[in-house]
N, C-alpha and C. Protein backbone atom coordinates (compact mmCIF):
# COMPACT_ATOMS: atom_id res chain seq x y z
N UNK A 1 0.82 -1.19 0.00
CA UNK A 1 0.00 0.00 0.00
C UNK A 1 0.87 1.26 0.00
N UNK A 2 1.91 1.27 0.85
CA UNK A 2 2.80 2.43 0.90
C UNK A 2 3.49 2.62 -0.45
N UNK A 3 3.88 1.53 -1.09
CA UNK A 3 4.57 1.62 -2.38
C UNK A 3 3.65 2.24 -3.42
N UNK A 4 2.37 1.88 -3.42
CA UNK A 4 1.43 2.45 -4.38
C UNK A 4 1.31 3.95 -4.17
N UNK A 5 1.27 4.37 -2.92
CA UNK A 5 1.20 5.80 -2.63
C UNK A 5 2.45 6.51 -3.13
N UNK A 6 3.60 5.90 -2.92
CA UNK A 6 4.87 6.47 -3.36
C UNK A 6 4.88 6.67 -4.87
N UNK A 7 4.36 5.71 -5.60
CA UNK A 7 4.36 5.78 -7.05
C UNK A 7 3.43 6.88 -7.56
N UNK A 8 2.40 7.24 -6.79
CA UNK A 8 1.45 8.26 -7.22
C UNK A 8 1.92 9.68 -6.91
N UNK A 9 2.96 9.84 -6.11
CA UNK A 9 3.44 11.17 -5.73
C UNK A 9 4.06 11.87 -6.94
N UNK A 10 3.99 13.18 -6.93
CA UNK A 10 4.57 13.95 -8.02
C UNK A 10 6.09 13.80 -8.02
N UNK A 11 6.69 14.16 -9.13
CA UNK A 11 8.14 14.01 -9.28
C UNK A 11 8.92 14.93 -8.35
N UNK A 12 8.33 16.02 -7.93
CA UNK A 12 9.05 16.99 -7.09
C UNK A 12 8.63 16.91 -5.62
N UNK A 13 8.14 15.77 -5.17
CA UNK A 13 7.65 15.65 -3.80
C UNK A 13 8.74 15.86 -2.76
N UNK A 14 10.00 15.58 -3.11
CA UNK A 14 11.08 15.78 -2.14
C UNK A 14 11.39 17.25 -1.90
N UNK A 15 10.86 18.12 -2.74
CA UNK A 15 11.07 19.55 -2.58
C UNK A 15 10.05 20.16 -1.61
N UNK A 16 9.18 19.34 -1.08
CA UNK A 16 8.15 19.80 -0.16
C UNK A 16 8.44 19.30 1.26
N UNK A 17 7.74 19.86 2.20
CA UNK A 17 7.86 19.43 3.59
C UNK A 17 6.77 18.40 3.90
N UNK A 18 6.93 17.72 5.01
CA UNK A 18 5.89 16.78 5.45
C UNK A 18 4.58 17.53 5.68
N UNK A 19 4.66 18.71 6.27
CA UNK A 19 3.45 19.50 6.48
C UNK A 19 2.73 19.78 5.17
N UNK A 20 3.47 20.15 4.14
CA UNK A 20 2.85 20.42 2.84
C UNK A 20 2.26 19.16 2.23
N UNK A 21 3.01 18.08 2.29
CA UNK A 21 2.55 16.83 1.68
C UNK A 21 1.32 16.28 2.39
N UNK A 22 1.28 16.40 3.70
CA UNK A 22 0.14 15.89 4.47
C UNK A 22 -0.98 16.93 4.59
N UNK A 23 -0.70 18.15 4.17
CA UNK A 23 -1.66 19.25 4.30
C UNK A 23 -2.17 19.34 5.75
N UNK A 24 -1.20 19.32 6.67
CA UNK A 24 -1.51 19.34 8.10
C UNK A 24 -0.44 20.17 8.80
N UNK A 25 -0.76 21.42 9.10
CA UNK A 25 0.20 22.34 9.72
C UNK A 25 0.10 22.24 11.23
N UNK A 26 1.23 21.91 11.86
CA UNK A 26 1.28 21.88 13.32
C UNK A 26 1.51 23.29 13.83
N UNK A 27 0.93 23.65 14.96
CA UNK A 27 1.12 25.00 15.50
C UNK A 27 2.56 25.21 15.97
N UNK A 28 2.96 26.47 16.00
CA UNK A 28 4.28 26.81 16.52
C UNK A 28 4.33 26.49 18.00
N UNK A 29 5.55 26.22 18.48
CA UNK A 29 5.73 25.83 19.87
C UNK A 29 6.50 26.89 20.64
N UNK A 30 6.27 26.93 21.93
CA UNK A 30 7.06 27.75 22.83
C UNK A 30 8.23 26.89 23.30
N UNK A 31 9.43 27.22 22.87
CA UNK A 31 10.60 26.39 23.16
C UNK A 31 10.89 26.26 24.65
N UNK A 32 10.36 27.16 25.46
CA UNK A 32 10.57 27.07 26.92
C UNK A 32 9.72 25.99 27.57
N UNK A 33 8.65 25.58 26.89
CA UNK A 33 7.70 24.66 27.49
C UNK A 33 7.74 23.25 26.91
N UNK A 34 8.48 23.03 25.86
CA UNK A 34 8.47 21.75 25.16
C UNK A 34 9.83 21.07 25.24
N UNK A 35 9.84 19.74 25.05
CA UNK A 35 11.09 18.98 25.08
C UNK A 35 11.85 19.17 23.77
N UNK A 36 13.12 18.83 23.81
CA UNK A 36 13.96 18.91 22.61
C UNK A 36 13.37 18.08 21.48
N UNK A 37 12.89 16.88 21.78
CA UNK A 37 12.36 16.00 20.75
C UNK A 37 11.11 16.57 20.10
N UNK A 38 10.21 17.11 20.89
CA UNK A 38 8.99 17.71 20.34
C UNK A 38 9.33 18.90 19.46
N UNK A 39 10.22 19.75 19.92
CA UNK A 39 10.62 20.92 19.13
C UNK A 39 11.29 20.49 17.83
N UNK A 40 12.16 19.48 17.91
CA UNK A 40 12.87 19.00 16.73
C UNK A 40 11.90 18.41 15.71
N UNK A 41 10.99 17.57 16.16
CA UNK A 41 10.01 16.97 15.24
C UNK A 41 9.13 18.03 14.61
N UNK A 42 8.70 19.00 15.38
CA UNK A 42 7.88 20.08 14.85
C UNK A 42 8.65 20.84 13.77
N UNK A 43 9.90 21.11 14.03
CA UNK A 43 10.75 21.82 13.07
C UNK A 43 10.99 20.99 11.80
N UNK A 44 11.24 19.70 11.97
CA UNK A 44 11.52 18.84 10.82
C UNK A 44 10.31 18.67 9.92
N UNK A 45 9.11 18.77 10.46
CA UNK A 45 7.90 18.70 9.62
C UNK A 45 7.84 19.86 8.64
N UNK A 46 8.54 20.95 8.95
CA UNK A 46 8.53 22.14 8.11
C UNK A 46 9.70 22.16 7.11
N UNK A 47 10.63 21.26 7.24
CA UNK A 47 11.84 21.21 6.43
C UNK A 47 11.59 20.45 5.13
N UNK A 48 12.16 20.91 4.03
CA UNK A 48 12.03 20.19 2.76
C UNK A 48 12.68 18.82 2.89
N UNK A 49 12.02 17.81 2.35
CA UNK A 49 12.54 16.45 2.46
C UNK A 49 13.92 16.30 1.82
N UNK A 50 14.17 17.03 0.76
CA UNK A 50 15.46 16.94 0.08
C UNK A 50 16.61 17.41 0.98
N UNK A 51 16.29 18.21 1.99
CA UNK A 51 17.30 18.74 2.91
C UNK A 51 17.48 17.89 4.17
N UNK A 52 16.74 16.79 4.28
CA UNK A 52 16.85 15.93 5.46
C UNK A 52 18.21 15.26 5.53
N UNK A 53 18.78 15.26 6.72
CA UNK A 53 20.01 14.51 6.97
C UNK A 53 19.62 13.09 7.40
N UNK A 54 20.60 12.23 7.51
CA UNK A 54 20.34 10.87 7.99
C UNK A 54 19.81 10.94 9.42
N UNK A 55 20.34 11.83 10.22
CA UNK A 55 19.87 11.98 11.60
C UNK A 55 18.41 12.46 11.63
N UNK A 56 18.06 13.38 10.73
CA UNK A 56 16.67 13.84 10.64
C UNK A 56 15.75 12.67 10.33
N UNK A 57 16.15 11.85 9.37
CA UNK A 57 15.36 10.67 9.02
C UNK A 57 15.21 9.74 10.21
N UNK A 58 16.29 9.50 10.92
CA UNK A 58 16.27 8.61 12.08
C UNK A 58 15.30 9.10 13.15
N UNK A 59 15.35 10.39 13.43
CA UNK A 59 14.47 10.96 14.44
C UNK A 59 13.01 10.82 14.03
N UNK A 60 12.68 11.23 12.83
CA UNK A 60 11.29 11.23 12.41
C UNK A 60 10.73 9.82 12.23
N UNK A 61 11.52 8.92 11.66
CA UNK A 61 11.07 7.54 11.51
C UNK A 61 10.89 6.91 12.89
N UNK A 62 11.79 7.20 13.80
CA UNK A 62 11.68 6.68 15.17
C UNK A 62 10.43 7.17 15.89
N UNK A 63 9.93 8.32 15.49
CA UNK A 63 8.71 8.88 16.09
C UNK A 63 7.46 8.58 15.26
N UNK A 64 7.62 7.79 14.21
CA UNK A 64 6.50 7.41 13.33
C UNK A 64 5.82 8.62 12.70
N UNK A 65 6.61 9.58 12.28
CA UNK A 65 6.09 10.79 11.65
C UNK A 65 6.48 10.80 10.18
N UNK A 66 5.51 10.97 9.31
CA UNK A 66 5.77 11.09 7.87
C UNK A 66 6.34 9.85 7.22
N UNK A 67 6.01 8.68 7.74
CA UNK A 67 6.64 7.44 7.27
C UNK A 67 6.45 7.19 5.77
N UNK A 68 5.26 7.50 5.25
CA UNK A 68 5.04 7.20 3.83
C UNK A 68 5.93 8.04 2.92
N UNK A 69 6.50 9.10 3.43
CA UNK A 69 7.43 9.92 2.65
C UNK A 69 8.88 9.62 3.00
N UNK A 70 9.14 9.30 4.25
CA UNK A 70 10.52 9.13 4.71
C UNK A 70 11.07 7.74 4.49
N UNK A 71 10.24 6.72 4.56
CA UNK A 71 10.72 5.35 4.34
C UNK A 71 11.32 5.19 2.94
N UNK A 72 10.68 5.67 1.87
CA UNK A 72 11.32 5.54 0.56
C UNK A 72 12.68 6.24 0.46
N UNK A 73 12.81 7.38 1.13
CA UNK A 73 14.09 8.09 1.13
C UNK A 73 15.13 7.27 1.90
N UNK A 74 14.73 6.74 3.05
CA UNK A 74 15.64 5.93 3.86
C UNK A 74 16.09 4.68 3.10
N UNK A 75 15.18 4.02 2.41
CA UNK A 75 15.53 2.83 1.62
C UNK A 75 16.51 3.20 0.51
N UNK A 76 16.28 4.32 -0.13
CA UNK A 76 17.18 4.79 -1.18
C UNK A 76 18.59 5.01 -0.63
N UNK A 77 18.69 5.65 0.52
CA UNK A 77 19.99 5.92 1.14
C UNK A 77 20.66 4.61 1.58
N UNK A 78 19.87 3.74 2.20
CA UNK A 78 20.42 2.45 2.67
C UNK A 78 20.87 1.56 1.51
N UNK A 79 20.21 1.65 0.37
CA UNK A 79 20.62 0.85 -0.77
C UNK A 79 21.97 1.30 -1.32
N UNK A 80 22.33 2.56 -1.07
CA UNK A 80 23.63 3.08 -1.48
C UNK A 80 24.72 2.78 -0.45
N UNK A 81 24.33 2.80 0.85
CA UNK A 81 25.28 2.57 1.93
C UNK A 81 24.56 1.95 3.11
N UNK A 82 24.62 0.68 3.26
CA UNK A 82 23.88 -0.05 4.29
C UNK A 82 24.35 0.34 5.70
N UNK A 83 25.52 0.92 5.84
CA UNK A 83 26.05 1.26 7.16
C UNK A 83 25.64 2.62 7.69
N UNK A 84 24.89 3.39 6.91
CA UNK A 84 24.47 4.70 7.41
C UNK A 84 23.47 4.50 8.51
């Protein structure tokens, strides 16, 4: 099912953020009241997928956020270097 969704995405989907792709904007956070992980995940939802680092992928996949977009990217990276 995830693969079918991946195949239907536009060619420039990596130039968008998870928020844009999911059409679900999370509210801004007060950094004094939230944990590092919550702030980081909120920030990464706004970041273009093409700009994600391996660490960004690890954090978001570990939190089960944006999996239908991030798993294909992770598989692509792992197919090039299984040790990342």
